[in-house]
């Protein structure tokens, strides 16, 4: 029975590593997309006034929001796997996941910081989308 628990624990740890890797790859993708959209927004010679910025801003908001929702889903799945790994750790007498949680900066998970950046970027694109509409109404 112990060998099965060790295999199950190893699989849970592998899933956790995969989930963190996926989370960070998606975050880096979001940063690249946002940087590219900002470069287009501020350097485009083809845009005609504020109305030309609107589709780009809406696209930036939609992309960032969809990646934020993916990150939230990923964080929930990671928490599920970490909970399973902690349960197995108790049975086996290990403490890898438990000690990692206690040594996090300020006791906060890295997902909090990543989610904050996602939200800031999404709010920027939302404001950038609403601003041209407000100017048109005035």
N, C-alpha and C. Protein backbone atom coordinates (compact mmCIF):
# COMPACT_ATOMS: atom_id res chain seq x y z
N UNK A 1 0.82 -1.20 0.00
CA UNK A 1 0.00 0.00 0.00
C UNK A 1 0.86 1.26 0.00
N UNK A 2 1.98 1.25 0.70
CA UNK A 2 2.85 2.43 0.77
C UNK A 2 3.43 2.78 -0.59
N UNK A 3 3.76 1.75 -1.39
CA UNK A 3 4.32 2.01 -2.72
C UNK A 3 3.29 2.71 -3.60
N UNK A 4 2.02 2.29 -3.48
CA UNK A 4 0.97 2.95 -4.26
C UNK A 4 0.79 4.40 -3.84
N UNK A 5 0.89 4.67 -2.55
CA UNK A 5 0.77 6.04 -2.05
C UNK A 5 1.94 6.89 -2.54
N UNK A 6 3.13 6.30 -2.58
CA UNK A 6 4.30 7.05 -3.07
C UNK A 6 4.16 7.38 -4.55
N UNK A 7 3.64 6.43 -5.33
CA UNK A 7 3.40 6.69 -6.75
C UNK A 7 2.32 7.76 -6.91
N UNK A 8 1.25 7.64 -6.14
CA UNK A 8 0.17 8.63 -6.19
C UNK A 8 0.69 10.02 -5.79
N UNK A 9 1.54 10.06 -4.78
CA UNK A 9 2.13 11.32 -4.33
C UNK A 9 3.03 11.91 -5.42
N UNK A 10 3.83 11.07 -6.05
CA UNK A 10 4.69 11.53 -7.14
C UNK A 10 3.89 12.09 -8.30
N UNK A 11 2.77 11.44 -8.62
CA UNK A 11 1.90 11.94 -9.69
C UNK A 11 1.28 13.28 -9.31
N UNK A 12 0.86 13.40 -8.06
CA UNK A 12 0.27 14.67 -7.60
C UNK A 12 1.29 15.80 -7.67
N UNK A 13 2.53 15.52 -7.27
CA UNK A 13 3.59 16.53 -7.34
C UNK A 13 3.87 16.91 -8.79
N UNK A 14 3.88 15.93 -9.68
CA UNK A 14 4.09 16.23 -11.11
C UNK A 14 2.96 17.10 -11.66
N UNK A 15 1.71 16.80 -11.28
CA UNK A 15 0.58 17.62 -11.71
C UNK A 15 0.73 19.06 -11.20
N UNK A 16 1.15 19.19 -9.94
CA UNK A 16 1.31 20.52 -9.35
C UNK A 16 2.38 21.30 -10.10
N UNK A 17 3.50 20.67 -10.39
CA UNK A 17 4.56 21.34 -11.16
C UNK A 17 4.05 21.75 -12.54
N UNK A 18 3.30 20.86 -13.17
CA UNK A 18 2.74 21.17 -14.49
C UNK A 18 1.78 22.35 -14.41
N UNK A 19 0.95 22.39 -13.38
CA UNK A 19 -0.02 23.48 -13.24
C UNK A 19 0.69 24.81 -13.01
N UNK A 20 1.74 24.82 -12.17
CA UNK A 20 2.48 26.06 -11.96
C UNK A 20 3.18 26.51 -13.23
N UNK A 21 3.73 25.56 -13.97
CA UNK A 21 4.40 25.89 -15.23
C UNK A 21 3.40 26.47 -16.23
N UNK A 22 2.23 25.86 -16.31
CA UNK A 22 1.19 26.35 -17.21
C UNK A 22 0.73 27.74 -16.79
N UNK A 23 0.57 27.95 -15.49
CA UNK A 23 0.15 29.26 -14.97
C UNK A 23 1.14 30.34 -15.38
N UNK A 24 2.42 30.06 -15.23
CA UNK A 24 3.43 31.06 -15.55
C UNK A 24 3.59 31.27 -17.06
N UNK A 25 3.41 30.22 -17.84
CA UNK A 25 3.45 30.38 -19.30
C UNK A 25 2.29 31.26 -19.77
N UNK A 26 1.10 31.03 -19.23
CA UNK A 26 -0.06 31.85 -19.59
C UNK A 26 0.16 33.30 -19.16
N UNK A 27 0.76 33.50 -17.99
CA UNK A 27 1.04 34.85 -17.52
C UNK A 27 2.02 35.56 -18.45
N UNK A 28 3.08 34.86 -18.84
CA UNK A 28 4.05 35.46 -19.76
C UNK A 28 3.41 35.76 -21.12
N UNK A 29 2.53 34.88 -21.58
CA UNK A 29 1.82 35.12 -22.83
C UNK A 29 0.97 36.38 -22.71
N UNK A 30 0.28 36.55 -21.58
CA UNK A 30 -0.54 37.74 -21.36
C UNK A 30 0.32 38.99 -21.40
N UNK A 31 1.50 38.95 -20.77
CA UNK A 31 2.38 40.11 -20.78
C UNK A 31 2.84 40.45 -22.20
N UNK A 32 3.17 39.43 -22.98
CA UNK A 32 3.62 39.65 -24.36
C UNK A 32 2.49 40.24 -25.20
N UNK A 33 1.29 39.68 -25.08
CA UNK A 33 0.15 40.19 -25.84
C UNK A 33 -0.15 41.64 -25.45
N UNK A 34 -0.14 41.92 -24.15
CA UNK A 34 -0.42 43.29 -23.70
C UNK A 34 0.65 44.26 -24.17
N UNK A 35 1.91 43.85 -24.12
CA UNK A 35 3.00 44.72 -24.60
C UNK A 35 2.86 44.99 -26.09
N UNK A 36 2.52 43.96 -26.86
CA UNK A 36 2.34 44.13 -28.30
C UNK A 36 1.17 45.06 -28.60
N UNK A 37 0.06 44.88 -27.89
CA UNK A 37 -1.10 45.74 -28.11
C UNK A 37 -0.81 47.19 -27.71
N UNK A 38 -0.06 47.36 -26.62
CA UNK A 38 0.32 48.72 -26.22
C UNK A 38 1.22 49.37 -27.27
N UNK A 39 2.14 48.59 -27.82
CA UNK A 39 3.02 49.12 -28.86
C UNK A 39 2.22 49.54 -30.08
N UNK A 40 1.25 48.72 -30.45
CA UNK A 40 0.39 49.07 -31.59
C UNK A 40 -0.43 50.31 -31.27
N UNK A 41 -0.97 50.34 -30.06
CA UNK A 41 -1.85 51.45 -29.67
C UNK A 41 -1.11 52.79 -29.70
N UNK A 42 0.09 52.83 -29.17
CA UNK A 42 0.79 54.10 -29.04
C UNK A 42 1.68 54.45 -30.23
N UNK A 43 1.92 53.51 -31.13
CA UNK A 43 2.81 53.78 -32.26
C UNK A 43 2.15 53.64 -33.62
N UNK A 44 0.86 53.38 -33.64
CA UNK A 44 0.19 53.16 -34.91
C UNK A 44 -0.04 54.47 -35.66
N UNK A 45 0.35 54.49 -36.91
CA UNK A 45 0.14 55.66 -37.77
C UNK A 45 -1.20 55.55 -38.52
N UNK A 46 -1.82 54.37 -38.46
CA UNK A 46 -3.03 54.14 -39.24
C UNK A 46 -4.30 54.48 -38.48
N UNK A 47 -4.22 54.60 -37.17
CA UNK A 47 -5.43 54.85 -36.40
C UNK A 47 -5.91 56.29 -36.61
N UNK A 48 -7.20 56.43 -36.76
CA UNK A 48 -7.78 57.75 -36.95
C UNK A 48 -8.49 58.18 -35.68
N UNK A 49 -7.83 58.91 -34.85
CA UNK A 49 -8.42 59.43 -33.63
C UNK A 49 -8.73 58.36 -32.60
N UNK A 50 -9.57 58.75 -31.67
CA UNK A 50 -9.90 57.87 -30.55
C UNK A 50 -10.71 56.65 -30.99
N UNK A 51 -11.53 56.79 -32.01
CA UNK A 51 -12.37 55.67 -32.44
C UNK A 51 -11.52 54.53 -33.00
N UNK A 52 -10.34 54.82 -33.50
CA UNK A 52 -9.45 53.77 -34.00
C UNK A 52 -8.85 52.93 -32.89
N UNK A 53 -8.81 53.49 -31.69
CA UNK A 53 -8.24 52.78 -30.54
C UNK A 53 -9.26 51.80 -29.95
N UNK A 54 -10.53 52.08 -30.14
CA UNK A 54 -11.59 51.28 -29.52
C UNK A 54 -11.51 49.79 -29.82
N UNK A 55 -11.44 49.34 -31.08
CA UNK A 55 -11.38 47.89 -31.32
C UNK A 55 -10.14 47.24 -30.69
N UNK A 56 -9.03 47.93 -30.73
CA UNK A 56 -7.81 47.40 -30.14
C UNK A 56 -7.96 47.26 -28.62
N UNK A 57 -8.56 48.26 -28.00
CA UNK A 57 -8.75 48.23 -26.55
C UNK A 57 -9.73 47.14 -26.14
N UNK A 58 -10.80 46.98 -26.90
CA UNK A 58 -11.77 45.92 -26.61
C UNK A 58 -11.10 44.55 -26.76
N UNK A 59 -10.31 44.39 -27.81
CA UNK A 59 -9.58 43.13 -28.01
C UNK A 59 -8.63 42.88 -26.84
N UNK A 60 -7.89 43.89 -26.41
CA UNK A 60 -6.98 43.74 -25.27
C UNK A 60 -7.72 43.34 -24.01
N UNK A 61 -8.89 43.95 -23.78
CA UNK A 61 -9.70 43.61 -22.61
C UNK A 61 -10.18 42.17 -22.68
N UNK A 62 -10.68 41.75 -23.84
CA UNK A 62 -11.19 40.38 -23.98
C UNK A 62 -10.09 39.34 -23.81
N UNK A 63 -8.94 39.59 -24.42
CA UNK A 63 -7.82 38.64 -24.30
C UNK A 63 -7.35 38.55 -22.85
N UNK A 64 -7.17 39.70 -22.21
CA UNK A 64 -6.68 39.71 -20.84
C UNK A 64 -7.69 39.07 -19.89
N UNK A 65 -8.97 39.37 -20.09
CA UNK A 65 -10.00 38.79 -19.23
C UNK A 65 -10.09 37.28 -19.41
N UNK A 66 -10.00 36.80 -20.64
CA UNK A 66 -10.06 35.35 -20.86
C UNK A 66 -8.84 34.66 -20.24
N UNK A 67 -7.68 35.28 -20.31
CA UNK A 67 -6.50 34.70 -19.66
C UNK A 67 -6.62 34.77 -18.14
N UNK A 68 -7.26 35.80 -17.62
CA UNK A 68 -7.52 35.89 -16.18
C UNK A 68 -8.42 34.74 -15.74
N UNK A 69 -9.48 34.49 -16.49
CA UNK A 69 -10.39 33.39 -16.15
C UNK A 69 -9.68 32.04 -16.23
N UNK A 70 -8.79 31.88 -17.21
CA UNK A 70 -7.99 30.66 -17.30
C UNK A 70 -7.10 30.53 -16.07
N UNK A 71 -6.49 31.63 -15.64
CA UNK A 71 -5.61 31.60 -14.47
C UNK A 71 -6.38 31.23 -13.20
N UNK A 72 -7.60 31.74 -13.07
CA UNK A 72 -8.42 31.40 -11.91
C UNK A 72 -8.76 29.91 -11.92
N UNK A 73 -9.13 29.40 -13.09
CA UNK A 73 -9.43 27.96 -13.22
C UNK A 73 -8.20 27.13 -12.89
N UNK A 74 -7.05 27.56 -13.38
CA UNK A 74 -5.80 26.86 -13.12
C UNK A 74 -5.48 26.87 -11.63
N UNK A 75 -5.70 28.01 -10.96
CA UNK A 75 -5.42 28.11 -9.52
C UNK A 75 -6.32 27.18 -8.72
N UNK A 76 -7.57 27.05 -9.12
CA UNK A 76 -8.48 26.13 -8.42
C UNK A 76 -8.03 24.68 -8.59
N UNK A 77 -7.64 24.32 -9.80
CA UNK A 77 -7.16 22.95 -10.03
C UNK A 77 -5.87 22.69 -9.26
N UNK A 78 -4.99 23.68 -9.22
CA UNK A 78 -3.73 23.53 -8.48
C UNK A 78 -4.02 23.34 -7.00
N UNK A 79 -4.95 24.12 -6.45
CA UNK A 79 -5.31 23.98 -5.04
C UNK A 79 -5.87 22.59 -4.75
N UNK A 80 -6.63 22.05 -5.69
CA UNK A 80 -7.18 20.70 -5.53
C UNK A 80 -6.05 19.67 -5.47
N UNK A 81 -5.09 19.78 -6.40
CA UNK A 81 -3.97 18.84 -6.40
C UNK A 81 -3.09 19.01 -5.17
N UNK A 82 -2.90 20.25 -4.73
CA UNK A 82 -2.10 20.48 -3.53
C UNK A 82 -2.78 19.89 -2.30
N UNK A 83 -4.10 20.02 -2.23
CA UNK A 83 -4.83 19.42 -1.12
C UNK A 83 -4.69 17.91 -1.11
N UNK A 84 -4.77 17.31 -2.28
CA UNK A 84 -4.59 15.86 -2.39
C UNK A 84 -3.18 15.45 -1.99
N UNK A 85 -2.19 16.22 -2.45
CA UNK A 85 -0.79 15.92 -2.10
C UNK A 85 -0.56 16.07 -0.60
N UNK A 86 -1.16 17.09 0.02
CA UNK A 86 -1.01 17.27 1.47
C UNK A 86 -1.63 16.11 2.24
N UNK A 87 -2.76 15.62 1.74
CA UNK A 87 -3.40 14.47 2.40
C UNK A 87 -2.48 13.25 2.35
N UNK A 88 -1.88 13.02 1.18
CA UNK A 88 -0.97 11.88 1.03
C UNK A 88 0.30 12.10 1.85
N UNK A 89 0.76 13.35 1.92
CA UNK A 89 1.95 13.68 2.71
C UNK A 89 1.76 13.29 4.17
N UNK A 90 0.58 13.58 4.71
CA UNK A 90 0.32 13.23 6.11
C UNK A 90 0.45 11.73 6.32
N UNK A 91 -0.06 10.96 5.37
CA UNK A 91 0.00 9.50 5.49
C UNK A 91 1.43 8.99 5.37
N UNK A 92 2.24 9.63 4.52
CA UNK A 92 3.61 9.17 4.28
C UNK A 92 4.63 9.83 5.19
N UNK A 93 4.25 10.91 5.88
CA UNK A 93 5.18 11.61 6.76
C UNK A 93 6.08 12.60 6.04
N UNK A 94 5.69 13.03 4.84
CA UNK A 94 6.46 14.03 4.10
C UNK A 94 5.92 15.42 4.44
N UNK A 95 6.65 16.46 3.98
CA UNK A 95 6.16 17.81 4.26
C UNK A 95 6.54 18.81 3.17
N UNK A 96 6.68 18.36 1.94
CA UNK A 96 7.10 19.24 0.85
C UNK A 96 6.08 20.34 0.58
N UNK A 97 4.83 19.98 0.37
CA UNK A 97 3.80 20.96 0.05
C UNK A 97 3.49 21.83 1.26
N UNK A 98 3.38 21.23 2.43
CA UNK A 98 3.07 21.97 3.65
C UNK A 98 4.13 23.01 3.95
N UNK A 99 5.41 22.63 3.85
CA UNK A 99 6.48 23.59 4.15
C UNK A 99 6.56 24.68 3.07
N UNK A 100 6.23 24.36 1.83
CA UNK A 100 6.24 25.36 0.76
C UNK A 100 5.17 26.42 1.00
N UNK A 101 4.03 26.03 1.54
CA UNK A 101 2.97 26.99 1.82
C UNK A 101 3.37 27.95 2.94
N UNK A 102 4.10 27.44 3.93
CA UNK A 102 4.50 28.28 5.05
C UNK A 102 5.64 29.23 4.70
N UNK A 103 6.42 28.91 3.67
CA UNK A 103 7.55 29.76 3.33
C UNK A 103 7.25 30.76 2.22
N UNK A 104 6.00 30.86 1.79
CA UNK A 104 5.63 31.82 0.74
C UNK A 104 5.81 33.25 1.26
N UNK A 105 6.14 34.16 0.37
CA UNK A 105 6.40 35.55 0.74
C UNK A 105 5.15 36.15 1.38
N UNK A 106 5.28 36.61 2.60
CA UNK A 106 4.15 37.22 3.28
C UNK A 106 3.01 36.26 3.53
N UNK A 107 3.26 34.96 3.40
CA UNK A 107 2.21 33.97 3.57
C UNK A 107 1.22 33.94 2.42
N UNK A 108 1.55 34.64 1.32
CA UNK A 108 0.64 34.70 0.18
C UNK A 108 1.13 33.82 -0.95
N UNK A 109 0.21 33.23 -1.64
CA UNK A 109 0.51 32.40 -2.80
C UNK A 109 0.89 33.31 -3.97
N UNK A 110 1.75 32.83 -4.85
CA UNK A 110 2.16 33.64 -6.01
C UNK A 110 0.98 33.96 -6.92
N UNK A 111 -0.05 33.16 -6.86
CA UNK A 111 -1.24 33.41 -7.67
C UNK A 111 -1.90 34.74 -7.35
N UNK A 112 -1.75 35.21 -6.11
CA UNK A 112 -2.33 36.49 -5.72
C UNK A 112 -1.67 37.62 -6.49
N UNK A 113 -0.35 37.57 -6.59
CA UNK A 113 0.38 38.60 -7.32
C UNK A 113 0.05 38.55 -8.81
N UNK A 114 0.02 37.34 -9.36
CA UNK A 114 -0.29 37.19 -10.79
C UNK A 114 -1.69 37.68 -11.10
N UNK A 115 -2.64 37.33 -10.25
CA UNK A 115 -4.02 37.76 -10.46
C UNK A 115 -4.13 39.27 -10.38
N UNK A 116 -3.37 39.88 -9.48
CA UNK A 116 -3.36 41.34 -9.39
C UNK A 116 -2.91 42.00 -10.68
N UNK A 117 -1.87 41.45 -11.29
CA UNK A 117 -1.38 42.01 -12.56
C UNK A 117 -2.42 41.81 -13.66
N UNK A 118 -3.06 40.63 -13.69
CA UNK A 118 -4.12 40.39 -14.67
C UNK A 118 -5.23 41.44 -14.52
N UNK A 119 -5.64 41.68 -13.29
CA UNK A 119 -6.74 42.62 -13.04
C UNK A 119 -6.34 44.04 -13.45
N UNK A 120 -5.12 44.44 -13.12
CA UNK A 120 -4.65 45.78 -13.51
C UNK A 120 -4.66 45.93 -15.03
N UNK A 121 -4.17 44.92 -15.73
CA UNK A 121 -4.16 44.98 -17.21
C UNK A 121 -5.57 45.01 -17.77
N UNK A 122 -6.46 44.19 -17.22
CA UNK A 122 -7.85 44.17 -17.70
C UNK A 122 -8.53 45.51 -17.45
N UNK A 123 -8.28 46.11 -16.27
CA UNK A 123 -8.86 47.42 -15.98
C UNK A 123 -8.32 48.49 -16.91
N UNK A 124 -7.03 48.41 -17.24
CA UNK A 124 -6.46 49.37 -18.18
C UNK A 124 -7.18 49.30 -19.52
N UNK A 125 -7.36 48.07 -20.03
CA UNK A 125 -8.01 47.92 -21.34
C UNK A 125 -9.48 48.31 -21.27
N UNK A 126 -10.12 48.04 -20.14
CA UNK A 126 -11.52 48.45 -19.98
C UNK A 126 -11.64 49.97 -20.00
N UNK A 127 -10.79 50.65 -19.23
CA UNK A 127 -10.80 52.12 -19.23
C UNK A 127 -10.44 52.67 -20.61
N UNK A 128 -9.50 52.02 -21.26
CA UNK A 128 -9.09 52.44 -22.59
C UNK A 128 -10.21 52.23 -23.61
N UNK A 129 -11.11 51.30 -23.33
CA UNK A 129 -12.27 51.06 -24.21
C UNK A 129 -13.38 52.06 -23.94
N UNK A 130 -13.58 52.39 -22.67
CA UNK A 130 -14.68 53.28 -22.29
C UNK A 130 -14.37 54.73 -22.62
N UNK A 131 -13.11 55.13 -22.47
CA UNK A 131 -12.73 56.53 -22.68
C UNK A 131 -13.12 57.06 -24.07
N UNK A 132 -12.82 56.35 -25.17
CA UNK A 132 -13.25 56.88 -26.48
C UNK A 132 -14.76 56.99 -26.61
N UNK A 133 -15.48 56.06 -25.99
CA UNK A 133 -16.94 56.12 -26.04
C UNK A 133 -17.47 57.35 -25.30
N UNK A 134 -16.86 57.66 -24.16
CA UNK A 134 -17.27 58.84 -23.41
C UNK A 134 -16.98 60.12 -24.20
N UNK A 135 -15.85 60.15 -24.88
CA UNK A 135 -15.52 61.33 -25.69
C UNK A 135 -16.50 61.51 -26.85
N UNK A 136 -16.98 60.40 -27.39
CA UNK A 136 -17.94 60.49 -28.49
C UNK A 136 -19.28 61.03 -28.00
N UNK A 137 -19.64 60.70 -26.75
CA UNK A 137 -20.93 61.14 -26.21
C UNK A 137 -20.91 62.60 -25.78
N UNK A 138 -19.75 63.10 -25.48
CA UNK A 138 -19.65 64.49 -24.99
C UNK A 138 -19.72 65.47 -26.11
